[in-house]
Amino acid sequence: MNLPIQPNDIQAVIEADRAHVWHHLIQHKPFETIDPRIMVEGRGMRVWDATGKEHLDGVSGGVWTVNVGYGRESIANAVRDQLIKMNYFANSAGSIPGALFAQKLIEKMPGLSRVYYSNSGSEANEKAFKMIRQISHRHHGGRKYKILYRDRDYHGTTLAALSAGGQPQRVDQYGPLAPGFVMVPHCLEYRSQYPDAESYGLAAANAIEEVILREGPDTVGGLCLEPITAGGGVITPPAGYWERVQEICDKYNILLHIDEVVCGVGRTGAWFGYQHYGVKPDFVTMAKGVASGYAAISCTVTTEAVFEMFKDDPSDPMSYFRDISTFGGCAAGPAAALENMRIVEDENLIENTQAMGARMMNNLRALQDKHAVIGDVRGKGLFIGAELVSDRTSREPAEEKKVQAVVADCMAQGVIIGATNRSLPGFNNTLCFSPALIATASDIDQITDSVDKALTKVFG
C-alpha cells in the first residue's frame, strides 16, 4: 500500500466497520464477537486482509469482477486523468471516453451498434426490460409485454430484476414482484428433466417454445438468458440448445436479451459468452468485467433495428427512450473500460483464459476421479463449477454446510473460492471458480490443490 496503516489505526477501521457498515450477502450477528473481514490491498491475483494474511483470489473480487487483476496503475491513471479533465455530465450529452469505448466495444460485437451506459448489471438489465416494454406499447399495441426468464438464471437485485430471477432464495421475502415475467425451464443436463430426449439441448429449448405457446406468442416480447448460468450453478448449455433458441425467437418475433454481466469481456475465453454459440442477440448487457471493478460501469448494447424503433415519430414527445441513469454519465467508467480492454488485448488474456481454463478443468476432473463427492465439472474458460453430491448414482446434492466448509477451509489455506449461495433451496452445492484472466499455471494449481485438501478434510 502507498500509505501503510499501523496496527492501532486498522483496529479503529475495524471498529468503524463493525459499528456502521452493512455488508452484502452476510449475516452480521457473528460480528458482535468476531471481527468483520476487511481487505486492505490487492496485487495481481492476491489480496491481503487487515490481519496481513495473503489470499490467492479464485473468484476475482468475490463476485467474478476483477478480470485483469488488482493493482493496475494504468487503469488508475486513466481514471485520474479523466476525472481531472471532465468527471461527469449527464449522458444526455456525450463524453470522449464514452464515445471511444462504445466504438471499441462495438468492434467486438458484430451485428450490434448502440451502447446505453448505466452503473450496474441490475440497472443494465432493467434498461433492456424497459426497452422491450416500450417497444410493446409503441409497436405492438401493448400486447407483447411479457418477458421470459430461465430457472436458475439471475439478472440482478432490483425488484424488476428479481422478477426475472430464477433463484427462489434470492427472490424470497421481496414480493410482490413485477407482473409480466414468466419462467422457462433450465437446461442443466446433469439435472436432467428430459431423460428420454434424443437431444437434450433441443428438448430444453423446445420447453421454452411450450411456454411461449401457453402464454400466447403475441404476448411475449423478450427472452432474457445468461449464455452460461452463473450463480445458479455454472451451467453450460447442451449442444443444439442455443441454435434452437435462436430459431424460436425468430419464429415468434421475440427479442433475445443475453445477460453477459458475468460472462462478458473475456471470462469464458471469448469476448462474450454468446459468441461461442453463434447466436444473434437483440440486447447484450454487461457490467462486472467491463472495467474490472476499477470504476462503476454497465452497458446495454442493442442492434440498430432496436434503436430505430425509438426514432419512429420525433413529433411525439413520448416516442424516444425516456430513461436516465445518473451515474451512467460518469466519465470514469468508460475511461477505465478502455484501458481494461487494452490490457486484455495487449496481454493476450483471451488466449490465456482458454489455456488456463483448460488446465483448471483438467485439474478438477482429476480431483473428480479422486473424490467421489464431485459429481460434475463444467464451465467455459475461467468460469468453472464443480457440483458436489453425497451420492453419484442418485446425484443427491451434498449438504450445504459441508459445501460451505470446503469454501471456509480453502480460505483458511489462503485461497478464496466461491459456492452457490442463498440461491436454490437444496441445491446450493456447486463450488464456483473465476480467477482473474491473468492467472498462471501455478495459480491454477494452487487453487485446485487447496480444493483437494479441503475435500479430503471435510468429506474424507
Protein backbone atom coordinates (compact mmCIF):
# COMPACT_ATOMS: atom_id res chain seq x y z
CA MET A 1 0.00 0.00 0.00
CA ASN A 2 1.13 3.56 -0.59
CA LEU A 3 0.15 4.65 2.95
CA PRO A 4 0.73 1.79 5.40
CA ILE A 5 -1.86 1.59 8.16
CA GLN A 6 -0.45 0.98 11.62
CA PRO A 7 -1.98 -1.79 13.79
CA ASN A 8 -3.70 0.69 16.11
CA ASP A 9 -5.14 2.51 13.08
CA ILE A 10 -6.55 -0.64 11.49
CA GLN A 11 -8.33 -1.60 14.71
CA ALA A 12 -10.12 1.75 14.56
CA VAL A 13 -11.10 0.96 10.98
CA ILE A 14 -12.42 -2.44 12.04
CA GLU A 15 -14.49 -0.90 14.81
CA ALA A 16 -15.89 1.72 12.43
CA ASP A 17 -16.82 -1.06 10.03
CA ARG A 18 -18.42 -3.12 12.79
CA ALA A 19 -20.44 -0.15 14.02
CA HIS A 20 -21.58 1.36 10.74
CA VAL A 21 -21.14 -0.77 7.59
CA TRP A 22 -23.93 -3.04 6.37
CA HIS A 23 -22.12 -5.70 4.35
CA HIS A 24 -23.54 -7.58 1.38
CA LEU A 25 -24.67 -11.20 1.45
CA ILE A 26 -23.76 -11.90 5.07
CA GLN A 27 -25.36 -12.38 8.50
CA HIS A 28 -23.96 -9.76 10.89
CA LYS A 29 -24.74 -11.41 14.24
CA PRO A 30 -21.28 -13.07 14.40
CA PHE A 31 -19.63 -9.64 14.16
CA GLU A 32 -20.73 -8.98 17.74
CA THR A 33 -17.96 -11.35 18.84
CA ILE A 34 -15.56 -11.62 15.88
CA ASP A 35 -14.05 -9.02 13.60
CA PRO A 36 -15.51 -8.41 10.15
CA ARG A 37 -13.07 -9.19 7.37
CA ILE A 38 -11.57 -6.11 5.73
CA MET A 39 -9.49 -6.37 2.57
CA VAL A 40 -6.68 -3.83 2.56
CA GLU A 41 -4.57 -4.36 -0.55
CA GLY A 42 -4.57 -6.23 -3.85
CA ARG A 43 -1.78 -7.01 -6.31
CA GLY A 44 -2.15 -9.24 -9.32
CA MET A 45 -4.06 -12.35 -8.20
CA ARG A 46 -3.58 -11.75 -4.48
CA VAL A 47 -5.26 -9.74 -1.74
CA TRP A 48 -4.26 -9.02 1.85
CA ASP A 49 -6.71 -8.57 4.72
CA ALA A 50 -6.44 -6.37 7.79
CA THR A 51 -4.52 -9.06 9.70
CA GLY A 52 -1.87 -9.10 6.97
CA LYS A 53 -2.88 -12.54 5.70
CA GLU A 54 -2.34 -13.15 1.98
CA HIS A 55 -5.01 -14.81 -0.12
CA LEU A 56 -4.99 -16.08 -3.69
CA ASP A 57 -8.28 -14.84 -5.13
CA GLY A 58 -10.02 -17.54 -7.13
CA VAL A 59 -13.25 -15.59 -7.64
CA SER A 60 -11.98 -12.19 -8.84
CA GLY A 61 -13.20 -9.95 -6.05
CA GLY A 62 -15.75 -12.35 -4.60
CA VAL A 63 -18.25 -11.90 -7.45
CA TRP A 64 -16.32 -12.61 -10.68
CA THR A 65 -15.39 -8.99 -11.41
CA VAL A 66 -11.64 -8.19 -11.33
CA ASN A 67 -10.83 -9.71 -14.72
CA VAL A 68 -7.40 -8.09 -15.21
CA GLY A 69 -6.26 -8.44 -11.61
CA TYR A 70 -5.51 -5.99 -8.83
CA GLY A 71 -3.14 -3.02 -8.72
CA ARG A 72 -3.35 -1.90 -12.35
CA GLU A 73 -1.77 1.55 -12.19
CA SER A 74 -2.50 2.27 -15.84
CA ILE A 75 -6.26 1.98 -15.21
CA ALA A 76 -5.99 4.12 -12.08
CA ASN A 77 -4.05 6.73 -14.04
CA ALA A 78 -6.58 6.71 -16.89
CA VAL A 79 -9.38 7.30 -14.38
CA ARG A 80 -7.43 10.02 -12.55
CA ASP A 81 -6.60 11.89 -15.76
CA GLN A 82 -10.21 11.74 -16.92
CA LEU A 83 -11.59 12.90 -13.57
CA ILE A 84 -9.39 15.98 -13.63
CA LYS A 85 -10.39 16.83 -17.19
CA MET A 86 -14.13 16.04 -17.00
CA ASN A 87 -15.53 13.82 -14.29
CA TYR A 88 -19.22 13.91 -15.07
CA PHE A 89 -22.01 15.22 -17.20
CA ALA A 90 -25.42 13.61 -17.60
CA ASN A 91 -25.40 11.22 -20.52
CA SER A 92 -27.91 13.36 -22.37
CA ALA A 93 -24.60 14.72 -23.65
CA GLY A 94 -21.65 12.59 -24.66
CA SER A 95 -18.09 12.28 -23.38
CA ILE A 96 -14.81 11.47 -25.10
CA PRO A 97 -14.21 8.15 -23.28
CA GLY A 98 -17.89 7.26 -23.65
CA ALA A 99 -17.73 7.65 -27.42
CA LEU A 100 -14.38 5.92 -27.79
CA PHE A 101 -15.25 2.95 -25.61
CA ALA A 102 -18.60 2.46 -27.35
CA GLN A 103 -16.77 2.34 -30.68
CA LYS A 104 -14.17 -0.08 -29.33
CA LEU A 105 -16.81 -2.30 -27.76
CA ILE A 106 -18.95 -2.49 -30.88
CA GLU A 107 -15.88 -3.67 -32.82
CA LYS A 108 -16.01 -6.80 -30.66
CA MET A 109 -19.75 -7.36 -31.19
CA PRO A 110 -20.69 -7.80 -34.87
CA GLY A 111 -24.36 -7.13 -35.54
CA LEU A 112 -24.75 -4.73 -32.61
CA SER A 113 -24.33 -0.97 -32.83
CA ARG A 114 -25.60 1.07 -29.85
CA VAL A 115 -24.39 1.34 -26.24
CA TYR A 116 -26.52 2.67 -23.38
CA TYR A 117 -24.46 3.40 -20.24
CA SER A 118 -25.54 2.86 -16.64
CA ASN A 119 -23.74 1.79 -13.48
CA SER A 120 -24.61 -1.81 -12.53
CA GLY A 121 -25.63 -5.09 -14.07
CA SER A 122 -29.05 -4.89 -12.44
CA GLU A 123 -29.61 -1.48 -13.99
CA ALA A 124 -28.36 -2.59 -17.42
CA ASN A 125 -30.91 -5.42 -17.40
CA GLU A 126 -33.68 -3.07 -16.24
CA LYS A 127 -32.96 -0.86 -19.24
CA ALA A 128 -33.43 -3.79 -21.61
CA PHE A 129 -36.68 -4.75 -19.87
CA LYS A 130 -37.96 -1.18 -20.18
CA MET A 131 -36.95 -1.01 -23.85
CA ILE A 132 -38.89 -4.21 -24.53
CA ARG A 133 -41.92 -2.85 -22.70
CA GLN A 134 -41.81 0.46 -24.56
CA ILE A 135 -41.44 -1.35 -27.90
CA SER A 136 -44.52 -3.37 -26.96
CA HIS A 137 -46.56 -0.23 -26.36
CA ARG A 138 -45.34 1.67 -29.40
CA HIS A 139 -45.21 -1.12 -31.98
CA HIS A 140 -47.45 -3.98 -30.75
CA GLY A 141 -50.40 -2.24 -29.16
CA GLY A 142 -49.09 -3.10 -25.69
CA ARG A 143 -49.59 -6.83 -26.27
CA LYS A 144 -46.01 -8.17 -26.40
CA TYR A 145 -45.11 -7.10 -22.87
CA LYS A 146 -44.16 -10.42 -21.26
CA ILE A 147 -40.51 -11.19 -20.61
CA LEU A 148 -39.39 -14.79 -20.26
CA TYR A 149 -36.51 -15.75 -17.97
CA ARG A 150 -34.96 -19.09 -17.08
CA ASP A 151 -35.00 -21.16 -13.91
CA ARG A 152 -31.61 -20.84 -12.11
CA ASP A 153 -30.60 -17.66 -14.01
CA TYR A 154 -30.01 -14.40 -12.14
CA HIS A 155 -30.31 -10.89 -13.51
CA GLY A 156 -29.90 -8.53 -10.56
CA THR A 157 -31.14 -7.21 -7.25
CA THR A 158 -33.77 -4.61 -8.11
CA LEU A 159 -37.43 -5.60 -7.89
CA ALA A 160 -37.84 -5.88 -11.67
CA ALA A 161 -34.58 -7.83 -11.99
CA LEU A 162 -35.69 -10.13 -9.18
CA SER A 163 -38.98 -10.58 -11.02
CA ALA A 164 -36.83 -12.09 -13.77
CA GLY A 165 -34.84 -14.11 -11.25
CA GLY A 166 -34.82 -17.90 -11.40
CA GLN A 167 -33.29 -18.34 -7.95
CA PRO A 168 -36.03 -18.71 -5.30
CA GLN A 169 -33.88 -17.82 -2.29
CA ARG A 170 -32.82 -14.56 -3.93
CA VAL A 171 -36.45 -13.66 -4.51
CA ASP A 172 -37.97 -14.92 -1.27
CA GLN A 173 -39.49 -12.27 1.05
CA TYR A 174 -39.21 -9.49 -1.55
CA GLY A 175 -42.64 -9.86 -3.14
CA PRO A 176 -44.99 -8.92 -4.52
CA LEU A 177 -42.91 -8.76 -7.68
CA ALA A 178 -43.48 -7.04 -11.00
CA PRO A 179 -46.07 -8.67 -13.26
CA GLY A 180 -45.41 -9.93 -16.76
CA PHE A 181 -42.29 -12.03 -16.07
CA VAL A 182 -42.64 -15.74 -16.87
CA MET A 183 -40.16 -18.52 -16.09
CA VAL A 184 -38.96 -21.20 -18.53
CA PRO A 185 -37.13 -24.42 -17.51
CA HIS A 186 -33.37 -24.57 -17.04
CA CYS A 187 -31.04 -26.50 -19.35
CA LEU A 188 -28.75 -28.32 -16.89
CA GLU A 189 -28.28 -31.75 -18.41
CA TYR A 190 -26.72 -33.10 -15.19
CA ARG A 191 -30.10 -32.46 -13.52
CA SER A 192 -31.98 -33.98 -16.45
CA GLN A 193 -35.61 -33.04 -16.93
CA TYR A 194 -35.89 -34.89 -20.25
CA PRO A 195 -34.33 -38.33 -19.72
CA ASP A 196 -35.83 -39.79 -22.89
CA ALA A 197 -34.79 -36.96 -25.22
CA GLU A 198 -32.55 -37.85 -28.17
CA SER A 199 -31.06 -34.34 -27.98
CA TYR A 200 -31.11 -32.75 -24.54
CA GLY A 201 -30.30 -29.33 -26.00
CA LEU A 202 -33.26 -29.44 -28.36
CA ALA A 203 -35.58 -30.71 -25.63
CA ALA A 204 -34.54 -27.92 -23.25
CA ALA A 205 -35.00 -25.27 -25.93
CA ASN A 206 -38.33 -26.71 -27.05
CA ALA A 207 -39.53 -26.34 -23.46
CA ILE A 208 -39.18 -22.57 -23.99
CA GLU A 209 -41.43 -22.80 -27.04
CA GLU A 210 -44.01 -24.66 -24.98
CA VAL A 211 -44.14 -21.75 -22.53
CA ILE A 212 -44.47 -19.27 -25.41
CA LEU A 213 -47.39 -21.22 -26.85
CA ARG A 214 -49.03 -21.49 -23.45
CA GLU A 215 -48.73 -17.74 -22.80
CA GLY A 216 -49.56 -16.76 -26.39
CA PRO A 217 -46.81 -15.69 -28.80
CA ASP A 218 -48.46 -12.32 -29.32
CA THR A 219 -47.98 -11.55 -25.60
CA VAL A 220 -44.25 -12.38 -25.35
CA GLY A 221 -41.85 -9.55 -26.17
CA GLY A 222 -38.49 -10.74 -24.85
CA LEU A 223 -36.45 -13.72 -23.68
CA CYS A 224 -33.67 -12.99 -21.17
CA LEU A 225 -31.00 -15.66 -20.66
CA GLU A 226 -27.44 -15.92 -19.36
CA PRO A 227 -25.18 -17.51 -22.02
CA ILE A 228 -23.74 -19.63 -19.22
CA THR A 229 -25.68 -19.58 -15.96
CA ALA A 230 -23.53 -18.17 -13.15
CA GLY A 231 -24.81 -18.22 -9.57
CA GLY A 232 -27.39 -20.89 -10.39
CA GLY A 233 -24.64 -23.50 -10.68
CA VAL A 234 -22.28 -22.55 -13.56
CA ILE A 235 -24.40 -24.21 -16.23
CA THR A 236 -23.03 -24.56 -19.75
CA PRO A 237 -25.70 -25.09 -22.41
CA PRO A 238 -26.09 -28.52 -24.01
CA ALA A 239 -25.33 -28.99 -27.71
CA GLY A 240 -28.00 -27.63 -30.01
CA TYR A 241 -29.62 -25.50 -27.34
CA TRP A 242 -28.71 -22.01 -28.48
CA GLU A 243 -29.32 -22.68 -32.17
CA ARG A 244 -32.87 -23.79 -31.37
CA VAL A 245 -33.42 -20.82 -29.02
CA GLN A 246 -32.49 -18.51 -31.89
CA GLU A 247 -34.97 -20.25 -34.22
CA ILE A 248 -37.74 -19.90 -31.65
CA CYS A 249 -37.12 -16.19 -31.10
CA ASP A 250 -37.07 -15.55 -34.85
CA LYS A 251 -40.24 -17.60 -35.36
CA TYR A 252 -42.30 -15.69 -32.80
CA ASN A 253 -40.71 -12.23 -33.20
CA ILE A 254 -39.29 -12.28 -29.66
CA LEU A 255 -36.35 -10.03 -28.78
CA LEU A 256 -33.39 -12.03 -27.46
CA HIS A 257 -31.67 -10.47 -24.46
CA ILE A 258 -28.38 -12.06 -23.40
CA ASP A 259 -27.15 -11.17 -19.91
CA GLU A 260 -23.34 -11.08 -20.05
CA VAL A 261 -22.89 -9.34 -16.69
CA VAL A 262 -20.69 -12.21 -15.52
CA CYS A 263 -19.52 -13.77 -18.79
CA GLY A 264 -18.60 -10.59 -20.68
CA VAL A 265 -15.15 -9.26 -21.59
CA GLY A 266 -13.12 -12.44 -21.74
CA ARG A 267 -14.31 -14.54 -18.80
CA THR A 268 -15.31 -17.55 -20.95
CA GLY A 269 -12.35 -17.45 -23.35
CA ALA A 270 -14.17 -15.29 -25.90
CA TRP A 271 -15.01 -11.61 -25.70
CA PHE A 272 -18.59 -12.60 -24.86
CA GLY A 273 -20.11 -15.90 -23.85
CA TYR A 274 -22.80 -15.86 -26.52
CA GLN A 275 -20.10 -15.78 -29.20
CA HIS A 276 -19.29 -19.43 -28.52
CA TYR A 277 -22.73 -20.38 -29.82
CA GLY A 278 -23.32 -18.34 -32.97
CA VAL A 279 -26.48 -16.58 -31.77
CA LYS A 280 -27.51 -13.07 -32.80
CA PRO A 281 -28.94 -11.21 -29.80
CA ASP A 282 -31.03 -8.05 -29.90
CA PHE A 283 -29.72 -6.95 -26.49
CA VAL A 284 -26.49 -7.74 -24.65
CA THR A 285 -25.99 -6.46 -21.12
CA MET A 286 -22.67 -6.37 -19.27
CA ALA A 287 -21.05 -4.92 -16.17
CA LYS A 288 -18.56 -6.71 -13.89
CA GLY A 289 -15.55 -7.30 -16.14
CA VAL A 290 -16.11 -4.22 -18.30
CA ALA A 291 -13.78 -2.18 -16.08
CA SER A 292 -12.64 -4.99 -13.73
CA GLY A 293 -14.07 -3.11 -10.74
CA TYR A 294 -11.83 -0.06 -11.16
CA ALA A 295 -14.90 2.09 -11.84
CA ALA A 296 -18.65 1.53 -11.88
CA ILE A 297 -19.97 0.96 -15.39
CA SER A 298 -22.52 -1.18 -17.18
CA CYS A 299 -23.72 -1.29 -20.76
CA THR A 300 -26.93 -2.24 -22.52
CA VAL A 301 -25.93 -2.91 -26.11
CA THR A 302 -28.53 -3.16 -28.87
CA THR A 303 -28.89 -3.57 -32.61
CA GLU A 304 -29.59 -0.66 -34.88
CA ALA A 305 -33.01 -2.16 -35.56
CA VAL A 306 -33.92 -1.85 -31.88
CA PHE A 307 -32.50 1.67 -31.74
CA GLU A 308 -34.53 2.75 -34.79
CA MET A 309 -37.77 1.77 -33.06
CA PHE A 310 -37.27 4.72 -30.72
CA LYS A 311 -36.96 7.22 -33.60
CA ASP A 312 -40.20 6.39 -35.40
CA ASP A 313 -42.08 9.62 -34.60
CA PRO A 314 -39.90 12.57 -33.49
CA SER A 315 -43.01 14.75 -33.27
CA ASP A 316 -44.30 12.59 -30.41
CA PRO A 317 -42.67 13.62 -27.10
CA MET A 318 -43.28 10.10 -25.76
CA SER A 319 -41.61 8.23 -28.64
CA TYR A 320 -37.98 8.13 -27.51
CA PHE A 321 -36.49 6.09 -24.65
CA ARG A 322 -37.38 8.33 -21.72
CA ASP A 323 -34.85 6.99 -19.28
CA ILE A 324 -31.78 8.19 -17.41
CA SER A 325 -29.06 6.64 -15.28
CA THR A 326 -27.46 9.39 -13.22
CA PHE A 327 -24.13 7.69 -12.86
CA GLY A 328 -24.22 6.47 -16.44
CA GLY A 329 -22.83 9.95 -17.05
CA CYS A 330 -19.64 9.32 -15.06
CA ALA A 331 -16.65 9.55 -17.39
CA ALA A 332 -14.50 7.36 -15.12
CA GLY A 333 -16.32 4.18 -16.17
CA PRO A 334 -15.62 4.25 -19.91
CA ALA A 335 -12.11 5.63 -19.27
CA ALA A 336 -11.37 2.60 -17.09
CA ALA A 337 -13.11 0.29 -19.57
CA LEU A 338 -10.95 1.49 -22.46
CA GLU A 339 -7.74 0.78 -20.56
CA ASN A 340 -9.14 -2.52 -19.29
CA MET A 341 -9.86 -3.63 -22.86
CA ARG A 342 -6.38 -2.56 -24.00
CA ILE A 343 -4.86 -4.75 -21.29
CA VAL A 344 -6.96 -7.75 -22.32
CA GLU A 345 -5.83 -7.28 -25.93
CA ASP A 346 -2.15 -6.42 -25.40
CA GLU A 347 -1.54 -9.15 -22.83
CA ASN A 348 -3.41 -11.80 -24.86
CA LEU A 349 -5.68 -12.55 -21.93
CA ILE A 350 -8.36 -14.21 -24.07
CA GLU A 351 -5.82 -16.81 -25.14
CA ASN A 352 -4.53 -17.15 -21.58
CA THR A 353 -8.07 -17.69 -20.34
CA GLN A 354 -8.54 -20.53 -22.81
CA ALA A 355 -5.27 -22.19 -21.77
CA MET A 356 -5.68 -21.73 -18.02
CA GLY A 357 -9.35 -22.68 -18.21
CA ALA A 358 -8.37 -25.97 -19.84
CA ARG A 359 -5.79 -26.55 -17.10
CA MET A 360 -8.30 -25.90 -14.35
CA MET A 361 -10.87 -28.21 -15.96
CA ASN A 362 -8.26 -30.96 -16.23
CA ASN A 363 -7.17 -30.45 -12.63
CA LEU A 364 -10.76 -30.58 -11.35
CA ARG A 365 -11.55 -33.66 -13.42
CA ALA A 366 -8.52 -35.34 -11.90
CA LEU A 367 -9.96 -34.44 -8.49
CA GLN A 368 -13.27 -35.89 -9.63
CA ASP A 369 -11.50 -39.23 -10.13
CA LYS A 370 -10.12 -38.96 -6.60
CA HIS A 371 -13.13 -37.57 -4.71
CA ALA A 372 -16.50 -39.26 -5.19
CA VAL A 373 -18.19 -36.15 -3.83
CA ILE A 374 -17.50 -34.30 -7.10
CA GLY A 375 -20.45 -35.25 -9.28
CA ASP A 376 -19.94 -32.90 -12.22
CA VAL A 377 -17.35 -30.44 -13.51
CA ARG A 378 -18.48 -27.89 -16.09
CA GLY A 379 -17.61 -24.48 -17.44
CA LYS A 380 -16.01 -22.40 -20.15
CA GLY A 381 -12.71 -20.54 -19.95
CA LEU A 382 -12.00 -19.33 -16.41
CA PHE A 383 -15.63 -19.72 -15.40
CA ILE A 384 -15.98 -23.18 -13.88
CA GLY A 385 -18.17 -25.04 -11.41
CA ALA A 386 -17.80 -28.34 -9.56
CA GLU A 387 -21.10 -29.74 -8.28
CA LEU A 388 -20.78 -31.73 -5.05
CA VAL A 389 -23.06 -34.69 -4.37
CA SER A 390 -23.49 -37.11 -1.50
CA ASP A 391 -24.09 -39.97 -3.95
CA ARG A 392 -23.05 -40.08 -7.60
CA THR A 393 -25.72 -42.56 -8.62
CA SER A 394 -28.69 -40.66 -7.19
CA ARG A 395 -26.94 -37.30 -7.62
CA GLU A 396 -28.26 -36.26 -4.23
CA PRO A 397 -26.77 -32.81 -3.52
CA ALA A 398 -24.07 -32.57 -0.89
CA GLU A 399 -25.13 -30.98 2.38
CA GLU A 400 -24.88 -27.20 2.08
CA LYS A 401 -23.00 -26.82 5.36
CA LYS A 402 -20.31 -29.17 4.10
CA VAL A 403 -20.04 -27.29 0.80
CA GLN A 404 -19.54 -24.08 2.77
CA ALA A 405 -17.00 -25.89 4.97
CA VAL A 406 -14.95 -26.61 1.84
CA VAL A 407 -15.01 -22.90 0.97
CA ALA A 408 -14.02 -22.00 4.54
CA ASP A 409 -11.15 -24.49 4.59
CA CYS A 410 -9.78 -23.10 1.33
CA MET A 411 -9.97 -19.61 2.86
CA ALA A 412 -8.02 -20.87 5.87
CA GLN A 413 -5.40 -22.15 3.43
CA GLY A 414 -5.21 -18.67 1.88
CA VAL A 415 -7.26 -19.42 -1.25
CA ILE A 416 -10.61 -17.76 -1.95
CA ILE A 417 -13.18 -19.82 -3.85
CA GLY A 418 -16.96 -19.48 -4.08
CA ALA A 419 -20.10 -21.61 -3.92
CA THR A 420 -23.72 -21.17 -4.93
CA ASN A 421 -25.17 -19.21 -2.04
CA ARG A 422 -28.75 -18.40 -0.98
CA SER A 423 -29.90 -19.26 -4.47
CA LEU A 424 -31.62 -22.63 -4.81
CA PRO A 425 -33.16 -24.49 -1.84
CA GLY A 426 -31.43 -27.85 -1.58
CA PHE A 427 -29.11 -27.12 -4.49
CA ASN A 428 -26.55 -24.66 -3.11
CA ASN A 429 -23.94 -27.33 -3.75
CA THR A 430 -21.69 -26.09 -6.56
CA LEU A 431 -18.18 -24.79 -5.96
CA CYS A 432 -17.51 -21.76 -8.19
CA PHE A 433 -14.21 -20.65 -9.70
CA SER A 434 -13.49 -17.48 -11.66
CA PRO A 435 -9.85 -16.43 -11.20
CA ALA A 436 -8.60 -13.35 -13.00
CA LEU A 437 -7.74 -13.74 -16.67
CA ILE A 438 -4.07 -13.18 -15.77
CA ALA A 439 -3.91 -16.49 -13.86
CA THR A 440 -0.76 -18.59 -14.28
CA ALA A 441 -0.38 -22.35 -14.19
CA SER A 442 0.95 -22.16 -10.63
CA ASP A 443 -2.07 -20.06 -9.58
CA ILE A 444 -4.45 -22.63 -11.04
CA ASP A 445 -2.61 -25.49 -9.38
CA GLN A 446 -2.64 -23.70 -6.01
CA ILE A 447 -6.42 -23.23 -6.25
CA THR A 448 -7.15 -26.84 -7.14
CA ASP A 449 -4.61 -28.16 -4.59
CA SER A 450 -6.45 -26.24 -1.88
CA VAL A 451 -9.74 -27.77 -3.03
CA ASP A 452 -8.17 -31.24 -2.90
CA LYS A 453 -7.07 -30.69 0.70
CA ALA A 454 -10.40 -29.18 1.71
CA LEU A 455 -12.43 -32.02 0.20
CA THR A 456 -10.25 -34.55 1.99
CA LYS A 457 -10.71 -32.74 5.30
CA VAL A 458 -14.45 -32.19 5.01
CA PHE A 459 -15.56 -35.38 3.24
CA GLY A 460 -12.69 -37.78 3.88
